[in-house]
Protein backbone atom coordinates (compact mmCIF):
# COMPACT_ATOMS: atom_id res chain seq x y z
CA MET A 1 116.10 56.39 126.96
CA GLU A 2 113.12 56.83 124.70
CA GLY A 3 114.89 59.54 122.71
CA THR A 4 113.64 62.29 120.41
CA ARG A 5 112.21 61.78 116.95
CA LEU A 6 114.89 62.57 114.40
CA ASN A 7 112.86 65.11 112.45
CA LYS A 8 112.11 67.03 115.64
CA TYR A 9 115.77 66.84 116.65
CA LEU A 10 116.97 68.27 113.34
CA ALA A 11 114.43 71.09 113.58
CA SER A 12 115.53 71.93 117.13
CA CYS A 13 119.14 72.09 115.90
CA GLY A 14 118.16 74.71 113.37
CA VAL A 15 118.93 72.48 110.38
CA CYS A 16 115.51 72.71 108.73
CA SER A 17 111.80 72.29 109.39
CA ARG A 18 110.37 68.91 110.43
CA ARG A 19 108.82 68.49 107.00
CA ASP A 20 112.13 69.12 105.26
CA ALA A 21 113.85 66.81 107.75
CA ASP A 22 111.46 64.02 106.73
CA ARG A 23 112.42 64.56 103.10
CA LEU A 24 116.13 64.42 103.92
CA ILE A 25 115.60 61.19 105.85
CA GLU A 26 113.58 59.64 103.01
CA GLN A 27 116.34 60.58 100.56
CA GLY A 28 118.90 58.75 102.69
CA LEU A 29 120.84 61.91 103.48
CA VAL A 30 120.72 61.52 107.27
CA THR A 31 122.73 59.02 109.30
CA VAL A 32 122.67 58.20 113.00
CA ASN A 33 125.87 56.65 114.35
CA GLY A 34 126.96 55.87 110.79
CA THR A 35 123.75 54.11 109.76
CA ALA A 36 121.21 55.57 107.33
CA ALA A 37 118.19 56.77 109.27
CA SER A 38 114.60 55.80 108.49
CA PRO A 39 111.31 57.61 109.14
CA GLY A 40 110.51 57.38 112.84
CA THR A 41 114.13 57.03 113.95
CA LYS A 42 114.79 58.40 117.42
CA VAL A 43 118.02 59.80 118.81
CA ALA A 44 119.37 60.10 122.33
CA ASP A 45 122.14 62.12 123.94
CA GLY A 46 125.50 60.96 122.63
CA ASP A 47 124.23 59.83 119.22
CA GLU A 48 126.16 61.14 116.23
CA VAL A 49 123.78 62.65 113.67
CA CYS A 50 125.04 63.66 110.22
CA VAL A 51 123.26 65.38 107.34
CA ARG A 52 124.91 64.96 103.93
CA GLY A 53 127.99 63.74 105.80
CA ARG A 54 128.18 66.82 108.02
CA LYS A 55 127.98 66.22 111.76
CA ILE A 56 125.25 68.14 113.55
CA ALA A 57 126.68 69.80 116.64
CA GLY A 58 123.50 69.41 118.69
CA ARG A 59 120.64 71.53 119.84
CA ASP A 60 121.47 75.20 119.60
CA LYS A 61 120.95 77.52 122.52
CA LYS A 62 117.71 79.38 122.47
CA VAL A 63 118.04 82.71 120.68
CA VAL A 64 115.69 85.68 120.43
CA LEU A 65 116.17 88.32 117.76
CA ALA A 66 114.69 91.76 117.22
CA TYR A 67 114.18 92.04 113.45
CA TYR A 68 113.01 95.03 111.42
CA LYS A 69 110.60 93.51 108.92
CA PRO A 70 110.44 95.64 105.78
CA VAL A 71 107.22 96.34 103.89
CA GLY A 72 106.58 93.56 101.37
CA VAL A 73 108.00 90.71 103.45
CA VAL A 74 105.40 88.07 104.36
CA CYS A 75 105.19 86.36 107.75
CA THR A 76 104.83 82.76 106.61
CA GLU A 77 106.86 79.56 106.55
CA ARG A 78 105.76 78.59 103.05
CA ASP A 79 103.84 80.51 100.39
CA ALA A 80 104.37 79.81 96.71
CA HIS A 81 102.87 83.20 95.84
CA ALA A 82 104.98 85.29 98.25
CA GLU A 83 107.98 87.01 96.69
CA LYS A 84 109.68 87.58 100.05
CA ILE A 85 109.28 85.27 103.07
CA VAL A 86 110.51 86.41 106.45
CA THR A 87 112.29 83.13 107.28
CA GLU A 88 114.25 83.42 104.03
CA GLU A 89 114.95 87.15 104.21
CA LEU A 90 116.45 86.92 107.71
CA ARG A 91 119.86 85.32 107.27
CA TYR A 92 120.83 83.83 110.63
CA PRO A 93 122.96 80.73 111.38
CA VAL A 94 120.17 79.13 113.44
CA ARG A 95 116.70 78.50 112.04
CA VAL A 96 114.27 80.90 113.72
CA THR A 97 110.65 81.84 113.15
CA TYR A 98 108.35 84.66 114.17
CA ALA A 99 106.62 85.06 117.52
CA GLY A 100 103.68 87.15 116.33
CA ARG A 101 102.93 88.36 112.81
CA LEU A 102 103.01 91.62 110.91
CA ASP A 103 100.99 92.19 107.73
CA LYS A 104 102.80 92.28 104.39
CA ASP A 105 102.04 96.01 104.06
CA SER A 106 103.25 96.79 107.58
CA GLU A 107 106.80 97.18 108.85
CA GLY A 108 108.73 97.21 112.07
CA LEU A 109 109.60 94.97 114.96
CA LEU A 110 109.26 91.20 114.81
CA LEU A 111 110.58 88.90 117.51
CA MET A 112 112.26 85.89 115.89
CA THR A 113 113.24 82.84 117.91
CA ASN A 114 113.86 79.10 117.93
CA ASP A 115 112.15 78.75 121.33
CA GLY A 116 108.77 77.12 120.80
CA GLY A 117 107.72 77.86 124.37
CA LEU A 118 108.27 81.57 123.90
CA ILE A 119 106.37 81.56 120.61
CA GLU A 120 103.42 79.85 122.26
CA ALA A 121 103.43 82.32 125.16
CA MET A 122 103.64 85.31 122.80
CA MET A 123 100.82 84.06 120.59
CA ARG A 124 98.43 83.38 123.48
CA GLY A 125 95.93 86.26 123.28
CA ALA A 126 94.86 85.87 126.90
CA ASN A 127 98.30 87.08 128.00
CA ARG A 128 97.52 90.57 126.65
CA HIS A 129 101.10 91.42 125.74
CA GLU A 130 101.55 95.03 124.69
CA LYS A 131 102.50 95.92 121.12
CA GLU A 132 103.15 99.55 120.18
CA TYR A 133 102.68 101.08 116.74
CA LEU A 134 103.09 104.34 114.87
CA VAL A 135 100.09 104.78 112.58
CA ARG A 136 99.86 107.40 109.85
CA VAL A 137 96.55 107.94 108.07
CA ARG A 138 95.48 109.87 105.00
CA GLU A 139 93.01 112.14 106.79
CA PRO A 140 93.78 114.33 109.85
CA TRP A 141 92.85 112.65 113.12
CA THR A 142 89.90 113.97 115.11
CA GLU A 143 89.79 113.70 118.88
CA GLU A 144 86.27 112.26 118.70
CA ALA A 145 87.41 109.40 116.48
CA LEU A 146 90.45 108.70 118.65
CA GLU A 147 88.26 108.57 121.75
CA ARG A 148 86.00 105.99 120.11
CA LEU A 149 89.02 103.91 119.10
CA ARG A 150 90.42 104.09 122.63
CA ALA A 151 87.17 102.73 124.04
CA GLY A 152 87.01 99.84 121.55
CA VAL A 153 85.08 99.45 118.31
CA TYR A 154 83.10 96.63 116.72
CA LEU A 155 84.75 94.99 113.72
CA GLU A 156 81.90 93.65 111.64
CA GLU A 157 84.13 91.56 109.34
CA LEU A 158 85.47 89.62 112.34
CA GLY A 159 82.35 89.78 114.51
CA VAL A 160 84.30 91.02 117.53
CA SER A 161 84.86 94.23 119.47
CA THR A 162 88.39 95.48 120.11
CA ARG A 163 89.73 95.88 123.62
CA PRO A 164 90.20 99.36 125.04
CA CYS A 165 93.63 100.62 124.03
CA GLU A 166 96.06 103.50 124.50
CA ILE A 167 96.21 106.05 121.68
CA GLU A 168 98.18 109.31 121.61
CA ARG A 169 98.15 111.73 118.70
CA VAL A 170 101.75 112.69 117.85
CA GLY A 171 101.01 114.62 114.65
CA PRO A 172 98.05 115.79 112.56
CA LYS A 173 97.90 112.43 110.78
CA THR A 174 100.09 110.26 113.04
CA ALA A 175 99.19 108.47 116.25
CA ARG A 176 100.91 106.10 118.66
CA MET A 177 98.78 103.04 119.50
CA VAL A 178 99.38 100.39 122.16
CA LEU A 179 97.28 97.24 121.68
CA THR A 180 96.95 94.12 123.81
CA GLN A 181 95.39 91.87 121.19
CA GLY A 182 96.37 90.76 117.70
CA LEU A 183 93.32 90.44 115.48
CA ASN A 184 93.81 90.08 111.74
CA ARG A 185 94.75 93.50 110.27
CA GLN A 186 93.32 94.98 113.45
CA ILE A 187 94.57 98.56 113.25
CA ARG A 188 93.59 98.97 109.61
CA ARG A 189 90.12 97.61 110.36
CA MET A 190 89.77 99.83 113.43
CA CYS A 191 90.69 102.94 111.48
CA ARG A 192 88.25 102.11 108.70
CA THR A 193 85.37 102.07 111.18
CA GLN A 194 86.05 105.78 111.73
CA GLY A 195 86.58 106.63 108.06
CA PHE A 196 90.37 106.72 108.18
CA HIS A 197 92.71 105.02 105.68
CA VAL A 198 96.11 103.82 106.93
CA VAL A 199 99.03 105.08 104.86
CA SER A 200 101.83 103.51 106.91
CA LEU A 201 101.98 101.23 109.94
CA LYS A 202 105.16 100.57 111.92
CA ARG A 203 105.48 98.43 115.03
CA ILE A 204 108.05 99.95 117.37
CA ARG A 205 107.72 97.79 120.49
CA VAL A 206 106.73 94.26 121.51
CA VAL A 207 106.31 93.80 125.28
CA ASN A 208 109.61 95.24 126.63
CA VAL A 209 111.62 95.01 123.39
CA GLU A 210 111.95 98.18 121.28
CA LEU A 211 112.78 98.56 117.59
CA GLY A 212 115.30 101.24 118.47
CA LYS A 213 117.79 102.20 115.77
CA LEU A 214 117.34 99.12 113.59
CA LYS A 215 116.83 99.78 109.90
CA PRO A 216 114.66 97.70 107.53
CA GLY A 217 116.18 94.24 107.10
CA GLU A 218 118.50 94.53 110.12
CA TYR A 219 118.37 92.40 113.25
CA ARG A 220 120.04 92.19 116.63
CA GLU A 221 120.16 89.60 119.37
CA LEU A 222 118.39 90.66 122.53
CA SER A 223 120.60 91.69 125.40
CA ALA A 224 120.68 89.44 128.45
CA GLY A 225 118.56 91.96 130.35
CA GLU A 226 115.95 92.19 127.59
CA ARG A 227 115.73 88.41 127.34
CA LYS A 228 115.38 87.95 131.07
CA ARG A 229 112.61 90.55 131.34
CA LEU A 230 110.77 89.22 128.27
CA TYR A 231 110.74 85.68 129.65
CA GLU A 232 109.64 86.93 133.06
CA ILE A 233 106.69 88.81 131.56
CA CYS A 234 105.76 85.72 129.55
CA GLY A 235 105.93 83.54 132.66
CA LEU A 236 108.94 81.60 131.41
CA THR A 237 112.52 81.01 132.49
CA ALA A 238 115.11 82.29 130.02
CA LYS A 239 117.38 79.64 128.54
CA GLY A 240 120.86 80.31 127.27
CA GLN A 241 122.67 83.61 127.16
CA SER A 242 123.73 85.72 124.22
CA ALA A 243 125.23 89.15 123.95
CA GLY A 244 123.46 91.86 121.99
CA THR A 245 124.83 92.17 118.46
CA GLU A 246 123.62 93.99 115.40
CA LYS A 247 123.80 93.21 111.72
């Protein structure tokens, strides 16, 4: 068997990132079948891999979490200037990362997973996956402005027009928006074109997964039904099963 590169294997087991795995290997902290590994080492089924003397159980089952990202937490793997990084704030036994971002100043639902295929499918803009938000602005909404936003507006900073979207006013200064694209700070930019300033922005749904009763900083594993439906919508086959739990 050709095997899998050791750094990729360690990342898939949730031990660390590939970059950190390379460092561990270079420091002589990784062994394969009792022998110190070297950069480029490959492993096959049945090989015993240890990190700092601890045996790695093997590739973890694919997990998908619904996580309530608080305001102030940054969606990034590494940022020396960020005080709070999402992959460090979310304490979970398996290494997971985000499938779709939320701005630092925004809050709400993030899907976190160790399934690279799901992340790729979620990030592909052509798939037009729905994301639902509650948006509160400083100034009272006007129906004329909402109608223009529904039809799509031109974002000069990005040189692109937004897709038509669903918007429902649920209060004088609050609206529910359903978008099918994920441009950089899209909702804030859209609102600015109509003279509105966003005060708070919360994502409450991604595809078929809802934020529900989660509070900032909490997470839960998706139920089997949620997982199955999410993978179906993304054109994938769900792998592994996990019961819904909440922290």
